[in-house]
Amino acid sequence: MPVGARVFSVLDAIVLFEAYLYRRHLQRFWGASGDFWQSRWEAVDALFGGDASCRWVWGTFGLTFALYWLVGGVYTAVDLTGRPAFLLRYKMQPGAPYPVSGAQVWCVVHQVLFNQLFIDLPFALATHALLEWRSYDRSPFLPSFPWVLFELAACVLIEEVALYYGHRLLHHPLLYRHVHKRHHEYCHPAEHVLCNLMPPMLGVLLLGSHPATAWLWFSVLLLFLAQRPLGLPPALLPLARVS
């Protein structure tokens, strides 16, 4: 495993360990606000008419799509303008040219939108079928805090292993030239499935996680990985990986 990946795997473990140490305080917060979160979840369920398939497919797609572009839009603005300048002091590739051209950004946006619309949606449909086969948690009640913490820790470990071996597979001569060689410029649909979608989803599938836990996991992961194209260090986002 690359040094960067090992370092951030350790950071993942440290953060989860700290959450475990402060679990009593977090448990009190979770318990005190439990009715609020439960009512919000019931509102989400009502929004989809109680349809588990519709909730998973459109809820997962809508959440990840909105969060990706909300956070990614901020970083894209930095790429286009080179501002705020103080943020660029932390770049791990200080020689990279700034600002990035609009043509370069549009090329990436076009590929990302293609992957989201034509890969993510079918993937959500397929994974819901697998979740039903797995008999995942469809309880109308949110899971307990200790169980959510356990599932997040398990998902982190499973994602790390799956991503590592998926990345190794992409370096196979049959795949590298056509799929992975230009991964710093765009993400090939096959690579998108193998490294972006499957690793985070594996833990959810194996554990049969509640949709709310899955959405929390996807949201945390998106927030921590959104900085990768900009090359910002873990000092700003502790669980971030090096590209």
Protein backbone atom coordinates (compact mmCIF):
# COMPACT_ATOMS: atom_id res chain seq x y z
CA MET A 1 0.00 0.00 0.00
CA PRO A 2 1.36 3.48 -0.86
CA VAL A 3 2.74 5.52 2.04
CA GLY A 4 0.01 8.15 1.67
CA ALA A 5 -2.72 5.53 1.83
CA ARG A 6 -1.16 3.95 4.93
CA VAL A 7 -0.88 7.33 6.67
CA PHE A 8 -4.49 8.20 6.08
CA SER A 9 -5.68 4.74 7.03
CA VAL A 10 -4.03 5.38 10.40
CA LEU A 11 -5.70 8.80 10.60
CA ASP A 12 -9.06 7.16 9.88
CA ALA A 13 -8.46 4.79 12.77
CA ILE A 14 -7.36 7.61 15.11
CA VAL A 15 -10.49 9.66 14.45
CA LEU A 16 -12.75 6.66 15.00
CA PHE A 17 -10.84 5.80 18.19
CA GLU A 18 -11.35 9.34 19.47
CA ALA A 19 -15.05 9.02 18.71
CA TYR A 20 -15.03 5.81 20.76
CA LEU A 21 -13.30 7.56 23.68
CA TYR A 22 -15.90 10.33 23.68
CA ARG A 23 -18.77 7.96 23.00
CA ARG A 24 -20.51 8.80 26.29
CA HIS A 25 -20.71 12.50 25.45
CA LEU A 26 -21.75 11.73 21.89
CA GLN A 27 -24.27 9.20 23.19
CA ARG A 28 -25.83 11.88 25.41
CA PHE A 29 -26.06 14.25 22.45
CA TRP A 30 -27.51 11.49 20.28
CA GLY A 31 -30.04 10.58 22.95
CA ALA A 32 -31.02 14.19 23.71
CA SER A 33 -31.62 14.92 20.04
CA GLY A 34 -32.97 11.47 19.22
CA ASP A 35 -36.57 12.60 18.82
CA PHE A 36 -35.48 15.39 16.48
CA TRP A 37 -33.48 13.07 14.20
CA GLN A 38 -36.21 10.44 14.28
CA SER A 39 -38.81 12.99 13.22
CA ARG A 40 -36.52 14.17 10.41
CA TRP A 41 -36.11 10.60 9.22
CA GLU A 42 -39.86 10.08 9.26
CA ALA A 43 -40.22 13.23 7.16
CA VAL A 44 -37.70 11.86 4.66
CA ASP A 45 -39.55 8.56 4.52
CA ALA A 46 -42.83 10.38 3.95
CA LEU A 47 -41.23 12.39 1.15
CA PHE A 48 -40.75 9.14 -0.77
CA GLY A 49 -44.17 7.80 0.18
CA GLY A 50 -42.69 5.02 2.29
CA ASP A 51 -41.29 3.39 -0.86
CA ALA A 52 -37.97 1.83 0.16
CA SER A 53 -36.73 1.42 -3.41
CA CYS A 54 -37.55 5.00 -4.37
CA ARG A 55 -36.00 6.28 -1.15
CA TRP A 56 -32.77 4.40 -1.70
CA VAL A 57 -32.33 5.16 -5.40
CA TRP A 58 -33.43 8.80 -5.52
CA GLY A 59 -32.49 9.66 -1.95
CA THR A 60 -28.96 8.32 -2.32
CA PHE A 61 -28.51 9.89 -5.74
CA GLY A 62 -29.96 13.25 -4.68
CA LEU A 63 -27.88 13.45 -1.50
CA THR A 64 -24.56 12.52 -3.09
CA PHE A 65 -25.19 14.62 -6.21
CA ALA A 66 -26.06 17.75 -4.21
CA LEU A 67 -23.24 17.32 -1.69
CA TYR A 68 -20.67 16.61 -4.39
CA TRP A 69 -21.47 19.76 -6.36
CA LEU A 70 -21.93 21.94 -3.29
CA VAL A 71 -18.49 21.11 -1.90
CA GLY A 72 -16.90 20.53 -5.29
CA GLY A 73 -18.19 23.88 -6.50
CA VAL A 74 -16.22 25.66 -3.79
CA TYR A 75 -13.01 23.87 -4.75
CA THR A 76 -13.70 24.42 -8.44
CA ALA A 77 -13.91 28.15 -7.76
CA VAL A 78 -10.44 27.93 -6.17
CA ASP A 79 -9.17 26.05 -9.24
CA LEU A 80 -10.58 28.68 -11.59
CA THR A 81 -9.47 31.76 -9.69
CA GLY A 82 -6.49 30.68 -7.55
CA ARG A 83 -8.23 32.34 -4.62
CA PRO A 84 -8.31 32.61 -1.69
CA ALA A 85 -4.52 32.69 -1.85
CA PHE A 86 -4.04 31.54 1.75
CA LEU A 87 -5.59 28.19 0.84
CA LEU A 88 -2.99 27.58 -1.85
CA ARG A 89 -0.18 27.76 0.72
CA TYR A 90 -1.24 24.31 1.85
CA LYS A 91 -1.16 22.67 -1.56
CA MET A 92 0.89 19.49 -1.78
CA GLN A 93 1.65 20.19 -5.47
CA PRO A 94 2.81 23.82 -5.24
CA GLY A 95 4.10 23.85 -8.83
CA ALA A 96 0.68 23.19 -10.36
CA PRO A 97 -0.45 26.05 -12.64
CA TYR A 98 -3.19 28.37 -11.40
CA PRO A 99 -5.75 29.33 -12.33
CA VAL A 100 -6.98 26.28 -14.27
CA SER A 101 -8.56 27.03 -17.65
CA GLY A 102 -12.31 26.91 -18.11
CA ALA A 103 -11.88 24.37 -20.92
CA GLN A 104 -10.09 21.98 -18.57
CA VAL A 105 -12.78 22.36 -15.94
CA TRP A 106 -15.60 21.81 -18.45
CA CYS A 107 -13.94 18.60 -19.67
CA VAL A 108 -13.94 17.27 -16.11
CA VAL A 109 -17.49 18.50 -15.39
CA HIS A 110 -18.75 16.77 -18.53
CA GLN A 111 -17.21 13.44 -17.49
CA VAL A 112 -18.42 13.73 -13.89
CA LEU A 113 -21.99 14.47 -14.98
CA PHE A 114 -21.89 11.51 -17.36
CA ASN A 115 -20.75 9.22 -14.56
CA GLN A 116 -23.34 10.54 -12.14
CA LEU A 117 -26.30 10.33 -14.53
CA PHE A 118 -25.47 7.18 -16.47
CA ILE A 119 -23.45 5.19 -13.93
CA ASP A 120 -24.58 6.27 -10.45
CA LEU A 121 -28.32 5.87 -11.06
CA PRO A 122 -28.12 2.32 -12.51
CA PHE A 123 -25.66 1.47 -9.73
CA ALA A 124 -28.17 2.66 -7.12
CA LEU A 125 -30.87 0.47 -8.69
CA ALA A 126 -28.57 -2.55 -8.72
CA THR A 127 -27.39 -2.06 -5.15
CA HIS A 128 -30.94 -1.76 -3.85
CA ALA A 129 -31.71 -5.14 -5.39
CA LEU A 130 -28.64 -6.53 -3.61
CA LEU A 131 -29.66 -4.87 -0.34
CA GLU A 132 -33.10 -6.46 -0.57
CA TRP A 133 -31.48 -9.83 -1.19
CA ARG A 134 -29.26 -9.14 1.82
CA SER A 135 -32.35 -8.23 3.91
CA TYR A 136 -30.96 -4.86 4.96
CA ASP A 137 -32.27 -2.77 7.85
CA ARG A 138 -35.50 -1.12 6.71
CA SER A 139 -36.73 -0.33 10.20
CA PRO A 140 -38.73 2.90 10.53
CA PHE A 141 -36.55 3.66 13.57
CA LEU A 142 -32.99 4.96 13.42
CA PRO A 143 -30.24 2.63 14.72
CA SER A 144 -28.55 3.25 18.06
CA PHE A 145 -25.45 5.41 18.31
CA PRO A 146 -23.06 2.56 19.27
CA TRP A 147 -24.25 0.54 16.28
CA VAL A 148 -23.83 3.48 13.91
CA LEU A 149 -20.29 4.02 15.23
CA PHE A 150 -19.48 0.34 14.77
CA GLU A 151 -20.80 0.34 11.20
CA LEU A 152 -18.87 3.49 10.30
CA ALA A 153 -15.65 1.92 11.61
CA ALA A 154 -16.33 -1.27 9.66
CA CYS A 155 -17.14 0.68 6.49
CA VAL A 156 -13.87 2.62 6.77
CA LEU A 157 -11.82 -0.57 7.02
CA ILE A 158 -13.70 -2.35 4.22
CA GLU A 159 -13.46 0.68 1.94
CA GLU A 160 -9.71 1.00 2.53
CA VAL A 161 -9.05 -2.63 1.59
CA ALA A 162 -11.40 -2.63 -1.41
CA LEU A 163 -10.01 0.65 -2.74
CA TYR A 164 -6.43 -0.56 -2.43
CA TYR A 165 -7.02 -3.78 -4.36
CA GLY A 166 -9.27 -2.03 -6.87
CA HIS A 167 -6.49 0.46 -7.53
CA ARG A 168 -3.96 -2.37 -7.87
CA LEU A 169 -6.25 -4.05 -10.40
CA LEU A 170 -6.38 -0.86 -12.47
CA HIS A 171 -2.59 -1.03 -12.84
CA HIS A 172 -2.89 -4.35 -14.68
CA PRO A 173 -1.52 -3.92 -18.23
CA LEU A 174 -4.92 -4.72 -19.75
CA LEU A 175 -6.62 -1.92 -17.82
CA TYR A 176 -3.98 0.72 -17.14
CA ARG A 177 -3.57 2.18 -20.62
CA HIS A 178 -7.26 2.36 -21.50
CA VAL A 179 -8.81 3.04 -18.09
CA HIS A 180 -6.44 4.33 -15.42
CA LYS A 181 -3.58 6.12 -17.17
CA ARG A 182 -5.34 9.50 -17.28
CA HIS A 183 -7.05 9.25 -13.88
CA HIS A 184 -5.71 12.64 -12.78
CA GLU A 185 -7.55 14.26 -15.70
CA TYR A 186 -10.79 12.32 -15.71
CA CYS A 187 -12.37 9.20 -14.23
CA HIS A 188 -13.20 6.42 -16.68
CA PRO A 189 -16.66 4.87 -16.02
CA ALA A 190 -15.08 1.49 -15.25
CA GLU A 191 -12.73 3.10 -12.73
CA HIS A 192 -15.65 5.06 -11.30
CA VAL A 193 -17.47 1.82 -10.50
CA LEU A 194 -14.42 -0.10 -9.32
CA CYS A 195 -12.82 2.58 -7.12
CA ASN A 196 -15.44 5.25 -6.41
CA LEU A 197 -18.69 3.33 -6.00
CA MET A 198 -17.97 -0.25 -4.98
CA PRO A 199 -15.51 0.29 -2.07
CA PRO A 200 -17.84 2.57 -0.03
CA MET A 201 -20.83 0.38 -0.88
CA LEU A 202 -19.29 -2.94 0.13
CA GLY A 203 -19.49 -2.25 3.85
CA VAL A 204 -23.13 -1.17 3.55
CA LEU A 205 -23.95 -4.36 1.63
CA LEU A 206 -22.08 -6.70 3.97
CA LEU A 207 -23.58 -5.13 7.10
CA GLY A 208 -27.07 -4.56 5.69
CA SER A 209 -26.91 -1.00 7.00
CA HIS A 210 -29.89 1.23 7.62
CA PRO A 211 -30.24 3.82 4.79
CA ALA A 212 -29.65 6.65 7.28
CA THR A 213 -26.32 5.11 8.30
CA ALA A 214 -25.37 4.58 4.66
CA TRP A 215 -26.19 8.21 3.84
CA LEU A 216 -24.14 9.42 6.82
CA TRP A 217 -21.19 7.29 5.67
CA PHE A 218 -21.43 8.49 2.06
CA SER A 219 -21.67 12.11 3.21
CA VAL A 220 -18.64 11.90 5.50
CA LEU A 221 -16.60 10.20 2.77
CA LEU A 222 -17.58 12.76 0.13
CA LEU A 223 -16.66 15.66 2.40
CA PHE A 224 -13.25 14.20 3.16
CA LEU A 225 -12.44 13.18 -0.41
CA ALA A 226 -13.71 16.26 -2.23
CA GLN A 227 -10.37 18.03 -1.69
CA ARG A 228 -8.32 15.47 -3.64
CA PRO A 229 -8.34 17.30 -7.00
CA LEU A 230 -7.11 20.46 -5.26
CA GLY A 231 -4.37 18.58 -3.42
CA LEU A 232 -5.02 20.07 0.02
CA PRO A 233 -3.33 18.42 2.99
CA PRO A 234 -4.88 16.39 5.83
CA ALA A 235 -4.39 19.38 8.15
CA LEU A 236 -7.50 20.84 6.54
CA LEU A 237 -9.44 17.61 6.15
CA PRO A 238 -8.10 14.94 8.53
CA LEU A 239 -9.40 11.84 6.75
CA ALA A 240 -8.44 12.95 3.26
CA ARG A 241 -6.30 10.75 1.04
CA VAL A 242 -3.46 11.67 -1.25
CA SER A 243 -4.34 11.13 -4.89
